[in-house]
Amino acid sequence: MESGPAIFAGMVFCLFGAALLAWTVTRARQHRPVAQGVSPVASVTVAGLVAVTALALGAWCFTRL
């Protein structure tokens, strides 16, 4: 019973992290802003850190099965 929420949370974190990372990389390669009105370097860095953190949280949830 307890593995159901861990699987759900892990999938949500992994999907969000992967989608955010893919979107950030795509925007950065096209030299388009990741966030409006923010330094390009800062926005790519923050979005990348959030994406990697979400992926790490997803992996952590999967280790709790």
Protein backbone atom coordinates (compact mmCIF):
# COMPACT_ATOMS: atom_id res chain seq x y z
CA MET A 1 0.00 0.00 0.00
CA GLU A 2 2.77 2.44 0.80
CA SER A 3 4.55 1.99 -2.52
CA GLY A 4 1.64 3.53 -4.49
CA PRO A 5 2.19 7.12 -3.31
CA ALA A 6 5.97 6.77 -3.71
CA ILE A 7 5.58 5.61 -7.30
CA PHE A 8 3.13 8.42 -8.06
CA ALA A 9 5.32 11.11 -6.47
CA GLY A 10 8.44 9.73 -8.15
CA MET A 11 6.77 9.77 -11.57
CA VAL A 12 5.47 13.31 -11.09
CA PHE A 13 8.88 14.62 -10.04
CA CYS A 14 10.68 12.79 -12.86
CA LEU A 15 8.25 13.91 -15.54
CA PHE A 16 8.34 17.51 -14.36
CA GLY A 17 12.13 17.54 -14.10
CA ALA A 18 12.62 15.95 -17.52
CA ALA A 19 10.12 18.29 -19.20
CA LEU A 20 11.63 21.38 -17.58
CA LEU A 21 15.15 20.31 -18.49
CA ALA A 22 14.17 19.60 -22.10
CA TRP A 23 12.35 22.93 -22.39
CA THR A 24 15.26 24.86 -20.86
CA VAL A 25 17.83 23.22 -23.13
CA THR A 26 15.66 23.83 -26.20
CA ARG A 27 15.16 27.51 -25.35
CA ALA A 28 18.86 27.99 -24.58
CA ARG A 29 19.97 26.38 -27.86
CA GLN A 30 17.63 28.65 -29.81
CA HIS A 31 19.01 31.71 -27.98
CA ARG A 32 15.53 32.53 -26.74
CA PRO A 33 14.76 33.71 -23.20
CA VAL A 34 13.88 31.09 -20.62
CA ALA A 35 12.20 33.74 -18.44
CA GLN A 36 11.12 37.19 -19.56
CA GLY A 37 12.91 40.13 -17.99
CA VAL A 38 15.65 38.07 -16.34
CA SER A 39 19.30 37.61 -17.25
CA PRO A 40 19.64 34.70 -19.70
CA VAL A 41 22.43 33.11 -17.69
CA ALA A 42 20.53 33.39 -14.42
CA SER A 43 17.31 32.02 -15.85
CA VAL A 44 19.02 29.01 -17.46
CA THR A 45 20.93 28.32 -14.26
CA VAL A 46 17.89 28.49 -11.98
CA ALA A 47 15.69 26.46 -14.34
CA GLY A 48 18.44 23.86 -14.71
CA LEU A 49 18.91 23.58 -10.96
CA VAL A 50 15.17 23.19 -10.38
CA ALA A 51 15.00 20.50 -13.08
CA VAL A 52 17.93 18.54 -11.67
CA THR A 53 16.49 18.87 -8.16
CA ALA A 54 13.14 17.51 -9.34
CA LEU A 55 14.86 14.58 -11.04
CA ALA A 56 16.85 13.88 -7.88
CA LEU A 57 13.67 13.97 -5.76
CA GLY A 58 12.02 11.56 -8.18
CA ALA A 59 14.97 9.18 -7.93
CA TRP A 60 14.86 9.46 -4.14
CA CYS A 61 11.16 8.57 -4.14
CA PHE A 62 11.89 5.49 -6.21
CA THR A 63 14.57 4.37 -3.75
CA ARG A 64 11.91 4.39 -1.00
CA LEU A 65 9.92 1.54 -2.57
